[in-house]
Amino acid sequence: MKRRKGLLDEEKFLPPLPEQLPRGVSSLPGYGQTSPIAQGLLGFTGRNPTYSVMDPEAVFQKWIRSTDWFKEFVNEYGEEPDLNSKDYDYRAAWRAGIIPERDPYDKNRFHWPSSLPSGEMLKSSSHPTAWKEYFMRVTGINPDSLNIKTSDEANTFLKNKTQVNGKPVVIDEEELRRSGLLGVAQ
């Protein structure tokens, strides 16, 4: 899967040319809907965009703090999330235009994806649920849909299961080697 080109790439902001944003613009050419990054980096006043570029970190902070995920987190845990966590790269997700989505397997709470469309991990290998991404890469099945809660349960499933709902589980052996699941070296 190819990585979607974002407005911020490799920490460098390349603003669109004024002629790329005509009056009444609702999207940037080549970018689909105006992303949260563009909305923050380019100020919009009425129908006429302005072109003052803001500090990307300030835009990130303003954007992430305005998300429903952030509000839900604070409401649920009584504190703000650690946006500088070594376990998840929120800024890389933001630069790629990724937003959290509701997870039907976790009381419909917001969750961030584990990786970029390119496959690059957003979660560190020490993140408590990083194993889920590797399980999905190996099997094509969300472990939550199988009520698998831990990496140990995932390994047991991989050792013993050959079918789910009467269909064979296809194991991607190459991905299994890369994942480190089942104690297989990467």
C-alpha atoms as a PDB file:
ATOM      1  CA  MET A   1       0.000   0.000   0.000  1.00  0.00           C
ATOM      2  CA  LYS A   2       1.444   3.385  -0.958  1.00  0.00           C
ATOM      3  CA  ARG A   3       1.786   6.107   1.619  1.00  0.00           C
ATOM      4  CA  ARG A   4      -0.593   8.974   1.040  1.00  0.00           C
ATOM      5  CA  LYS A   5       1.328  12.188   0.439  1.00  0.00           C
ATOM      6  CA  GLY A   6       0.671  14.655   3.240  1.00  0.00           C
ATOM      7  CA  LEU A   7       1.253  18.364   3.545  1.00  0.00           C
ATOM      8  CA  LEU A   8       4.065  17.762   5.981  1.00  0.00           C
ATOM      9  CA  ASP A   9       6.602  15.343   4.651  1.00  0.00           C
ATOM     10  CA  GLU A  10       9.871  14.642   6.411  1.00  0.00           C
ATOM     11  CA  GLU A  11       9.124  17.576   8.754  1.00  0.00           C
ATOM     12  CA  LYS A  12       9.221  20.052   5.826  1.00  0.00           C
ATOM     13  CA  PHE A  13       6.156  22.120   5.009  1.00  0.00           C
ATOM     14  CA  LEU A  14       5.595  22.828   1.356  1.00  0.00           C
ATOM     15  CA  PRO A  15       2.720  25.317   1.148  1.00  0.00           C
ATOM     16  CA  PRO A  16       0.483  25.202  -1.900  1.00  0.00           C
ATOM     17  CA  LEU A  17       0.840  27.975  -4.421  1.00  0.00           C
ATOM     18  CA  PRO A  18      -1.846  30.663  -4.196  1.00  0.00           C
ATOM     19  CA  GLU A  19      -3.191  29.689  -7.605  1.00  0.00           C
ATOM     20  CA  GLN A  20      -3.776  26.185  -6.249  1.00  0.00           C
ATOM     21  CA  LEU A  21      -6.331  27.494  -3.761  1.00  0.00           C
ATOM     22  CA  PRO A  22      -8.957  29.526  -5.624  1.00  0.00           C
ATOM     23  CA  ARG A  23     -11.863  31.252  -3.909  1.00  0.00           C
ATOM     24  CA  GLY A  24     -14.266  28.884  -2.211  1.00  0.00           C
ATOM     25  CA  VAL A  25     -11.802  26.026  -2.229  1.00  0.00           C
ATOM     26  CA  SER A  26     -12.812  23.046  -0.127  1.00  0.00           C
ATOM     27  CA  SER A  27      -9.894  20.805  -0.983  1.00  0.00           C
ATOM     28  CA  LEU A  28      -6.281  20.969  -2.028  1.00  0.00           C
ATOM     29  CA  PRO A  29      -5.365  19.609  -5.464  1.00  0.00           C
ATOM     30  CA  GLY A  30      -4.007  16.119  -5.062  1.00  0.00           C
ATOM     31  CA  TYR A  31      -4.946  15.917  -1.399  1.00  0.00           C
ATOM     32  CA  GLY A  32      -8.702  15.234  -1.425  1.00  0.00           C
ATOM     33  CA  GLN A  33     -10.529  16.922   1.437  1.00  0.00           C
ATOM     34  CA  THR A  34      -8.664  19.706   3.173  1.00  0.00           C
ATOM     35  CA  SER A  35      -6.741  17.913   5.878  1.00  0.00           C
ATOM     36  CA  PRO A  36      -6.528  18.981   9.509  1.00  0.00           C
ATOM     37  CA  ILE A  37      -2.939  19.965   8.753  1.00  0.00           C
ATOM     38  CA  ALA A  38      -3.972  22.297   5.960  1.00  0.00           C
ATOM     39  CA  GLN A  39      -6.781  23.763   8.021  1.00  0.00           C
ATOM     40  CA  GLY A  40      -4.287  24.606  10.755  1.00  0.00           C
ATOM     41  CA  LEU A  41      -1.325  25.686   8.662  1.00  0.00           C
ATOM     42  CA  LEU A  42      -3.373  27.832   6.329  1.00  0.00           C
ATOM     43  CA  GLY A  43      -5.788  30.248   7.945  1.00  0.00           C
ATOM     44  CA  PHE A  44      -9.137  30.457   6.198  1.00  0.00           C
ATOM     45  CA  THR A  45     -11.171  33.651   6.539  1.00  0.00           C
ATOM     46  CA  GLY A  46     -14.538  33.328   4.909  1.00  0.00           C
ATOM     47  CA  ARG A  47     -14.030  32.287   1.312  1.00  0.00           C
ATOM     48  CA  ASN A  48     -10.539  33.787   0.924  1.00  0.00           C
ATOM     49  CA  PRO A  49      -7.624  31.696   2.192  1.00  0.00           C
ATOM     50  CA  THR A  50      -4.714  33.492   3.799  1.00  0.00           C
ATOM     51  CA  TYR A  51      -1.206  32.167   3.501  1.00  0.00           C
ATOM     52  CA  SER A  52       0.466  32.805   6.823  1.00  0.00           C
ATOM     53  CA  VAL A  53       2.240  29.581   7.766  1.00  0.00           C
ATOM     54  CA  MET A  54       2.173  28.603  11.433  1.00  0.00           C
ATOM     55  CA  ASP A  55       4.630  26.541  13.446  1.00  0.00           C
ATOM     56  CA  PRO A  56       3.825  22.860  12.685  1.00  0.00           C
ATOM     57  CA  GLU A  57       4.093  21.833  16.372  1.00  0.00           C
ATOM     58  CA  ALA A  58       1.621  24.537  17.394  1.00  0.00           C
ATOM     59  CA  VAL A  59      -0.740  23.406  14.637  1.00  0.00           C
ATOM     60  CA  PHE A  60      -0.388  19.772  15.725  1.00  0.00           C
ATOM     61  CA  GLN A  61      -1.113  20.669  19.357  1.00  0.00           C
ATOM     62  CA  LYS A  62      -4.131  22.766  18.438  1.00  0.00           C
ATOM     63  CA  TRP A  63      -5.479  20.092  16.113  1.00  0.00           C
ATOM     64  CA  ILE A  64      -5.002  17.055  18.365  1.00  0.00           C
ATOM     65  CA  ARG A  65      -6.450  18.852  21.383  1.00  0.00           C
ATOM     66  CA  SER A  66      -9.577  19.635  19.351  1.00  0.00           C
ATOM     67  CA  THR A  67     -10.195  16.010  18.360  1.00  0.00           C
ATOM     68  CA  ASP A  68     -12.991  13.927  19.827  1.00  0.00           C
ATOM     69  CA  TRP A  69     -10.338  11.328  20.702  1.00  0.00           C
ATOM     70  CA  PHE A  70      -8.502  13.803  22.954  1.00  0.00           C
ATOM     71  CA  LYS A  71     -11.745  14.856  24.658  1.00  0.00           C
ATOM     72  CA  GLU A  72     -12.782  11.232  25.109  1.00  0.00           C
ATOM     73  CA  PHE A  73      -9.379  10.349  26.613  1.00  0.00           C
ATOM     74  CA  VAL A  74      -9.506  13.201  29.138  1.00  0.00           C
ATOM     75  CA  ASN A  75     -13.084  12.330  30.064  1.00  0.00           C
ATOM     76  CA  GLU A  76     -12.242   8.629  30.479  1.00  0.00           C
ATOM     77  CA  TYR A  77      -8.917   8.905  32.336  1.00  0.00           C
ATOM     78  CA  GLY A  78      -9.139  12.333  33.989  1.00  0.00           C
ATOM     79  CA  GLU A  79      -5.860  13.491  32.441  1.00  0.00           C
ATOM     80  CA  GLU A  80      -4.436  14.410  29.066  1.00  0.00           C
ATOM     81  CA  PRO A  81      -2.734  11.734  26.966  1.00  0.00           C
ATOM     82  CA  ASP A  82       1.055  11.777  26.771  1.00  0.00           C
ATOM     83  CA  LEU A  83       1.575  13.140  23.269  1.00  0.00           C
ATOM     84  CA  ASN A  84       5.332  12.630  23.645  1.00  0.00           C
ATOM     85  CA  SER A  85       4.982   8.941  24.467  1.00  0.00           C
ATOM     86  CA  LYS A  86       7.711   6.650  23.174  1.00  0.00           C
ATOM     87  CA  ASP A  87       4.992   4.038  22.565  1.00  0.00           C
ATOM     88  CA  TYR A  88       3.104   5.899  19.806  1.00  0.00           C
ATOM     89  CA  ASP A  89       4.121   8.505  17.228  1.00  0.00           C
ATOM     90  CA  TYR A  90       1.110  10.842  17.126  1.00  0.00           C
ATOM     91  CA  ARG A  91       2.986  13.389  15.023  1.00  0.00           C
ATOM     92  CA  ALA A  92       3.803  10.877  12.295  1.00  0.00           C
ATOM     93  CA  ALA A  93       0.129   9.859  12.234  1.00  0.00           C
ATOM     94  CA  TRP A  94      -0.889  13.528  11.990  1.00  0.00           C
ATOM     95  CA  ARG A  95       1.634  14.266   9.203  1.00  0.00           C
ATOM     96  CA  ALA A  96       0.192  11.322   7.257  1.00  0.00           C
ATOM     97  CA  GLY A  97      -3.349  12.679   7.695  1.00  0.00           C
ATOM     98  CA  ILE A  98      -4.397   9.762   9.904  1.00  0.00           C
ATOM     99  CA  ILE A  99      -7.121  10.262  12.471  1.00  0.00           C
ATOM    100  CA  PRO A 100      -8.375   7.920  15.198  1.00  0.00           C
ATOM    101  CA  GLU A 101     -11.429   5.817  14.454  1.00  0.00           C
ATOM    102  CA  ARG A 102     -14.063   4.165  16.596  1.00  0.00           C
ATOM    103  CA  ASP A 103     -13.267   0.559  17.543  1.00  0.00           C
ATOM    104  CA  PRO A 104     -16.378  -1.625  17.772  1.00  0.00           C
ATOM    105  CA  TYR A 105     -14.397  -4.187  19.789  1.00  0.00           C
ATOM    106  CA  ASP A 106     -13.543  -1.669  22.540  1.00  0.00           C
ATOM    107  CA  LYS A 107     -16.892  -0.139  23.501  1.00  0.00           C
ATOM    108  CA  ASN A 108     -16.724   2.017  20.362  1.00  0.00           C
ATOM    109  CA  ARG A 109     -13.892   4.138  21.804  1.00  0.00           C
ATOM    110  CA  PHE A 110     -11.497   5.978  19.533  1.00  0.00           C
ATOM    111  CA  HIS A 111      -8.284   4.174  18.590  1.00  0.00           C
ATOM    112  CA  TRP A 112      -5.316   5.164  16.456  1.00  0.00           C
ATOM    113  CA  PRO A 113      -4.057   2.712  13.830  1.00  0.00           C
ATOM    114  CA  SER A 114      -0.900   0.780  14.615  1.00  0.00           C
ATOM    115  CA  SER A 115       0.859   1.629  11.359  1.00  0.00           C
ATOM    116  CA  LEU A 116       0.981   3.932   8.367  1.00  0.00           C
ATOM    117  CA  PRO A 117      -0.430   2.712   5.027  1.00  0.00           C
ATOM    118  CA  SER A 118       3.203   2.043   4.032  1.00  0.00           C
ATOM    119  CA  GLY A 119       3.454  -0.496   6.846  1.00  0.00           C
ATOM    120  CA  GLU A 120       5.755   1.678   8.956  1.00  0.00           C
ATOM    121  CA  MET A 121       4.768   1.187  12.587  1.00  0.00           C
ATOM    122  CA  LEU A 122       3.363   4.095  14.576  1.00  0.00           C
ATOM    123  CA  LYS A 123       3.410   1.968  17.720  1.00  0.00           C
ATOM    124  CA  SER A 124       6.758   1.051  19.213  1.00  0.00           C
ATOM    125  CA  SER A 125       7.557  -2.623  19.622  1.00  0.00           C
ATOM    126  CA  SER A 126       7.101  -2.108  23.386  1.00  0.00           C
ATOM    127  CA  HIS A 127       3.533  -0.789  22.986  1.00  0.00           C
ATOM    128  CA  PRO A 128       1.193  -3.185  24.838  1.00  0.00           C
ATOM    129  CA  THR A 129      -0.913  -3.873  21.723  1.00  0.00           C
ATOM    130  CA  ALA A 130       1.706  -3.702  18.945  1.00  0.00           C
ATOM    131  CA  TRP A 131       1.401  -7.484  18.650  1.00  0.00           C
ATOM    132  CA  LYS A 132      -2.141  -7.028  17.269  1.00  0.00           C
ATOM    133  CA  GLU A 133      -0.823  -5.345  14.117  1.00  0.00           C
ATOM    134  CA  TYR A 134       1.600  -8.207  13.531  1.00  0.00           C
ATOM    135  CA  PHE A 135      -1.148 -10.778  14.124  1.00  0.00           C
ATOM    136  CA  MET A 136      -3.342  -9.029  11.539  1.00  0.00           C
ATOM    137  CA  ARG A 137      -0.474  -8.931   9.048  1.00  0.00           C
ATOM    138  CA  VAL A 138       0.166 -12.648   9.542  1.00  0.00           C
ATOM    139  CA  THR A 139      -3.454 -13.836   9.472  1.00  0.00           C
ATOM    140  CA  GLY A 140      -5.515 -11.013   7.970  1.00  0.00           C
ATOM    141  CA  ILE A 141      -7.799 -11.318  11.013  1.00  0.00           C
ATOM    142  CA  ASN A 142      -8.373  -8.748  13.750  1.00  0.00           C
ATOM    143  CA  PRO A 143      -7.525 -10.601  16.997  1.00  0.00           C
ATOM    144  CA  ASP A 144     -10.288  -8.683  18.789  1.00  0.00           C
ATOM    145  CA  SER A 145     -12.826 -10.384  16.521  1.00  0.00           C
ATOM    146  CA  LEU A 146     -11.578 -13.715  17.921  1.00  0.00           C
ATOM    147  CA  ASN A 147     -11.571 -12.436  21.518  1.00  0.00           C
ATOM    148  CA  ILE A 148      -7.778 -12.803  21.632  1.00  0.00           C
ATOM    149  CA  LYS A 149      -6.575 -10.429  24.371  1.00  0.00           C
ATOM    150  CA  THR A 150      -2.829 -11.058  24.744  1.00  0.00           C
ATOM    151  CA  SER A 151       0.192 -11.908  22.634  1.00  0.00           C
ATOM    152  CA  ASP A 152       0.366 -15.265  24.460  1.00  0.00           C
ATOM    153  CA  GLU A 153      -3.205 -16.028  23.360  1.00  0.00           C
ATOM    154  CA  ALA A 154      -2.267 -14.950  19.824  1.00  0.00           C
ATOM    155  CA  ASN A 155       0.688 -17.327  19.813  1.00  0.00           C
ATOM    156  CA  THR A 156      -1.495 -20.172  21.083  1.00  0.00           C
ATOM    157  CA  PHE A 157      -3.988 -19.450  18.312  1.00  0.00           C
ATOM    158  CA  LEU A 158      -1.247 -19.447  15.673  1.00  0.00           C
ATOM    159  CA  LYS A 159       0.112 -22.768  16.936  1.00  0.00           C
ATOM    160  CA  ASN A 160      -3.255 -24.534  17.148  1.00  0.00           C
ATOM    161  CA  LYS A 161      -5.894 -22.956  14.911  1.00  0.00           C
ATOM    162  CA  THR A 162      -6.331 -24.002  11.353  1.00  0.00           C
ATOM    163  CA  GLN A 163      -9.882 -22.713  10.833  1.00  0.00           C
ATOM    164  CA  VAL A 164     -12.117 -19.818  11.860  1.00  0.00           C
ATOM    165  CA  ASN A 165     -15.837 -20.093  11.174  1.00  0.00           C
ATOM    166  CA  GLY A 166     -15.181 -23.110   8.962  1.00  0.00           C
ATOM    167  CA  LYS A 167     -12.650 -21.260   6.792  1.00  0.00           C
ATOM    168  CA  PRO A 168      -8.944 -22.063   6.793  1.00  0.00           C
ATOM    169  CA  VAL A 169      -6.637 -19.533   8.422  1.00  0.00           C
ATOM    170  CA  VAL A 170      -3.950 -18.616   5.943  1.00  0.00           C
ATOM    171  CA  ILE A 171      -0.668 -17.778   7.644  1.00  0.00           C
ATOM    172  CA  ASP A 172       1.727 -15.462   5.827  1.00  0.00           C
ATOM    173  CA  GLU A 173       4.956 -17.270   6.736  1.00  0.00           C
ATOM    174  CA  GLU A 174       7.220 -14.436   5.614  1.00  0.00           C
ATOM    175  CA  GLU A 175       5.259 -11.912   7.685  1.00  0.00           C
ATOM    176  CA  LEU A 176       5.320 -14.362  10.597  1.00  0.00           C
ATOM    177  CA  ARG A 177       9.131 -14.409  10.480  1.00  0.00           C
ATOM    178  CA  ARG A 178       9.254 -10.586  10.372  1.00  0.00           C
ATOM    179  CA  SER A 179       6.691 -10.203  13.171  1.00  0.00           C
ATOM    180  CA  GLY A 180       8.533 -12.132  15.834  1.00  0.00           C
ATOM    181  CA  LEU A 181       5.276 -13.858  16.847  1.00  0.00           C
ATOM    182  CA  LEU A 182       5.709 -17.452  18.011  1.00  0.00           C
ATOM    183  CA  GLY A 183       9.232 -16.484  19.081  1.00  0.00           C
ATOM    184  CA  VAL A 184      10.416 -16.594  15.475  1.00  0.00           C
ATOM    185  CA  ALA A 185      13.441 -14.304  15.014  1.00  0.00           C
ATOM    186  CA  GLN A 186      12.959 -11.244  12.857  1.00  0.00           C
END
